[in-house]
């Protein structure tokens, strides 16, 4: 039997996290998306983290949460605007161990508390089954171009629980 991971923690984004989050972003794409995207597509995708200053500005401009194990970042999620999950990445060494679920649970609660009625995400083909399992439904297929490569994803949406409805615990 595998060793249990120490209990993960959750905290807000800090500017000092940028190099580690860029590394998680790259490792996640390189190691987890190979069944769904070509090597050229992966290279175009990871290029988004090459300019760490720009990558950091993007994360700082959104509501970004960090999952940690023993105080070291192992994943992150970001909310763009009031209701769009922009990025969700976990380090391959902790993939499938509940880190992404913990991050999205927290983001859904925060977005709902801020008044969002639903959340959308442009899920990669790799992430689509994860979001589907969480109650997100596919709305449309998209093709986006990144650094000269075309990548497919799916816009998905989930209606958040109405916390003000009668009988719903607050």
Protein backbone atom coordinates (compact mmCIF):
# COMPACT_ATOMS: atom_id res chain seq x y z
CA UNK A 1 0.00 0.00 0.00
CA UNK A 2 1.25 3.50 -0.88
CA UNK A 3 2.15 5.98 1.77
CA UNK A 4 -0.55 8.49 2.58
CA UNK A 5 0.25 12.07 1.64
CA UNK A 6 0.44 14.58 4.46
CA UNK A 7 -2.78 16.59 4.61
CA UNK A 8 -2.73 19.27 1.92
CA UNK A 9 -3.20 22.91 2.81
CA UNK A 10 -4.78 25.78 0.93
CA UNK A 11 -3.64 29.39 0.83
CA UNK A 12 -3.78 32.51 -1.35
CA UNK A 13 -1.25 33.18 -4.10
CA UNK A 14 1.95 35.00 -3.16
CA UNK A 15 4.30 36.66 -5.70
CA UNK A 16 7.13 34.40 -4.46
CA UNK A 17 5.13 31.38 -5.75
CA UNK A 18 5.56 32.29 -9.43
CA UNK A 19 8.67 30.17 -10.25
CA UNK A 20 7.19 27.09 -8.55
CA UNK A 21 3.76 27.56 -10.17
CA UNK A 22 5.38 28.00 -13.59
CA UNK A 23 7.23 24.71 -12.99
CA UNK A 24 3.98 22.96 -11.95
CA UNK A 25 2.25 24.36 -15.07
CA UNK A 26 5.00 23.02 -17.36
CA UNK A 27 5.33 19.61 -15.64
CA UNK A 28 1.55 19.12 -15.65
CA UNK A 29 1.26 19.83 -19.38
CA UNK A 30 4.34 17.80 -20.33
CA UNK A 31 3.51 14.76 -18.21
CA UNK A 32 -0.30 14.62 -18.08
CA UNK A 33 -1.61 15.78 -21.47
CA UNK A 34 0.34 13.55 -23.88
CA UNK A 35 -2.65 11.31 -24.65
CA UNK A 36 -4.70 14.31 -25.81
CA UNK A 37 -2.23 16.75 -27.36
CA UNK A 38 0.78 16.40 -29.69
CA UNK A 39 4.30 17.33 -28.60
CA UNK A 40 4.11 20.50 -30.75
CA UNK A 41 0.81 21.46 -29.07
CA UNK A 42 2.30 20.84 -25.62
CA UNK A 43 5.35 22.99 -26.46
CA UNK A 44 3.11 25.84 -27.63
CA UNK A 45 1.05 25.53 -24.44
CA UNK A 46 4.00 25.52 -22.00
CA UNK A 47 5.44 28.61 -23.70
CA UNK A 48 2.82 30.60 -21.72
CA UNK A 49 5.01 30.17 -18.62
CA UNK A 50 8.34 31.06 -20.22
CA UNK A 51 7.97 34.73 -19.30
CA UNK A 52 7.62 34.29 -15.54
CA UNK A 53 6.93 37.98 -15.01
CA UNK A 54 3.91 37.89 -17.36
CA UNK A 55 2.78 34.53 -15.94
CA UNK A 56 2.97 36.01 -12.43
CA UNK A 57 1.02 39.12 -13.47
CA UNK A 58 -1.75 36.93 -14.86
CA UNK A 59 -1.99 34.94 -11.61
CA UNK A 60 -1.81 38.07 -9.46
CA UNK A 61 -4.63 39.64 -11.48
CA UNK A 62 -6.98 36.76 -10.72
CA UNK A 63 -8.19 35.03 -7.57
CA UNK A 64 -5.50 32.35 -7.35
CA UNK A 65 -5.44 29.62 -4.71
CA UNK A 66 -2.45 27.41 -3.98
CA UNK A 67 -2.56 23.82 -2.71
CA UNK A 68 0.42 22.92 -0.56
CA UNK A 69 1.88 19.81 1.01
CA UNK A 70 4.29 20.52 3.86
CA UNK A 71 4.14 24.20 2.83
CA UNK A 72 5.37 23.50 -0.72
CA UNK A 73 3.02 24.34 -3.64
CA UNK A 74 1.71 21.25 -5.47
CA UNK A 75 -1.13 22.80 -7.46
CA UNK A 76 -3.09 25.95 -8.19
CA UNK A 77 -6.39 27.22 -9.54
CA UNK A 78 -7.34 30.70 -10.72
CA UNK A 79 -10.65 32.49 -11.15
CA UNK A 80 -10.87 35.07 -13.93
CA UNK A 81 -13.53 37.67 -13.26
CA UNK A 82 -16.43 36.53 -11.12
CA UNK A 83 -17.21 33.20 -12.74
CA UNK A 84 -14.57 31.67 -15.03
CA UNK A 85 -11.99 29.08 -13.95
CA UNK A 86 -8.96 30.11 -15.98
CA UNK A 87 -6.23 27.72 -14.81
CA UNK A 88 -6.17 24.48 -12.84
CA UNK A 89 -2.90 22.60 -12.67
CA UNK A 90 -1.46 20.04 -10.25
CA UNK A 91 2.01 18.57 -10.16
CA UNK A 92 2.07 15.12 -11.82
CA UNK A 93 3.41 13.55 -8.59
CA UNK A 94 0.09 14.33 -6.83
CA UNK A 95 -2.31 13.90 -9.78
CA UNK A 96 -5.36 11.82 -8.93
CA UNK A 97 -4.98 12.35 -5.17
CA UNK A 98 -7.73 14.90 -4.59
CA UNK A 99 -5.66 18.09 -4.89
CA UNK A 100 -7.56 19.41 -7.94
CA UNK A 101 -10.89 18.59 -6.27
CA UNK A 102 -9.85 20.46 -3.12
CA UNK A 103 -8.84 23.50 -5.21
CA UNK A 104 -12.05 23.56 -7.28
CA UNK A 105 -14.23 22.98 -4.17
CA UNK A 106 -12.68 26.04 -2.54
CA UNK A 107 -13.00 28.15 -5.69
CA UNK A 108 -16.65 27.17 -6.16
CA UNK A 109 -17.41 28.20 -2.57
CA UNK A 110 -15.58 31.51 -2.91
CA UNK A 111 -17.21 32.33 -6.25
CA UNK A 112 -20.64 31.46 -4.85
CA UNK A 113 -20.04 33.60 -1.77
CA UNK A 114 -19.13 36.48 -4.09
CA UNK A 115 -22.45 36.12 -5.90
CA UNK A 116 -21.62 33.92 -8.90
CA UNK A 117 -24.60 31.81 -9.95
CA UNK A 118 -22.52 29.50 -12.14
CA UNK A 119 -18.94 28.84 -13.15
CA UNK A 120 -17.52 28.20 -16.60
CA UNK A 121 -14.23 26.63 -17.63
CA UNK A 122 -12.57 26.03 -20.98
CA UNK A 123 -11.46 22.51 -20.10
CA UNK A 124 -8.63 20.82 -21.94
CA UNK A 125 -9.44 17.40 -23.35
CA UNK A 126 -7.36 16.02 -20.46
CA UNK A 127 -9.38 17.91 -17.80
CA UNK A 128 -12.84 17.45 -19.32
CA UNK A 129 -13.61 14.12 -17.54
CA UNK A 130 -12.59 15.69 -14.19
CA UNK A 131 -15.00 18.60 -14.63
CA UNK A 132 -17.77 16.34 -15.96
CA UNK A 133 -17.53 14.23 -12.80
CA UNK A 134 -17.94 17.43 -10.76
CA UNK A 135 -21.24 18.33 -12.45
CA UNK A 136 -19.99 20.61 -15.23
CA UNK A 137 -21.80 20.17 -18.56
CA UNK A 138 -20.30 20.71 -21.99
CA UNK A 139 -21.65 23.79 -23.78
CA UNK A 140 -19.40 24.06 -26.83
CA UNK A 141 -16.18 22.80 -28.42
CA UNK A 142 -13.49 25.38 -29.10
CA UNK A 143 -10.31 25.52 -31.11
CA UNK A 144 -7.75 28.01 -29.88
CA UNK A 145 -4.43 28.94 -31.37
CA UNK A 146 -1.38 29.17 -29.13
CA UNK A 147 2.01 30.08 -30.59
CA UNK A 148 1.00 28.83 -34.02
CA UNK A 149 -0.55 25.54 -32.84
CA UNK A 150 -4.28 24.72 -32.73
CA UNK A 151 -5.57 23.17 -29.49
CA UNK A 152 -9.09 21.95 -28.78
CA UNK A 153 -10.95 22.45 -25.52
CA UNK A 154 -14.54 22.43 -24.29
CA UNK A 155 -16.42 25.25 -22.59
CA UNK A 156 -18.22 23.69 -19.63
CA UNK A 157 -20.59 25.21 -17.08
CA UNK A 158 -21.86 24.34 -13.63
CA UNK A 159 -24.70 26.03 -11.76
CA UNK A 160 -23.65 26.72 -8.20
CA UNK A 161 -25.90 25.90 -5.27
CA UNK A 162 -28.15 28.78 -4.28
CA UNK A 163 -27.10 29.51 -0.71
CA UNK A 164 -30.07 31.85 -0.17
CA UNK A 165 -32.72 29.24 -1.06
CA UNK A 166 -34.97 28.09 1.78
CA UNK A 167 -33.75 24.92 3.45
CA UNK A 168 -30.17 25.34 2.20
CA UNK A 169 -27.76 25.57 5.12
CA UNK A 170 -25.66 28.74 5.04
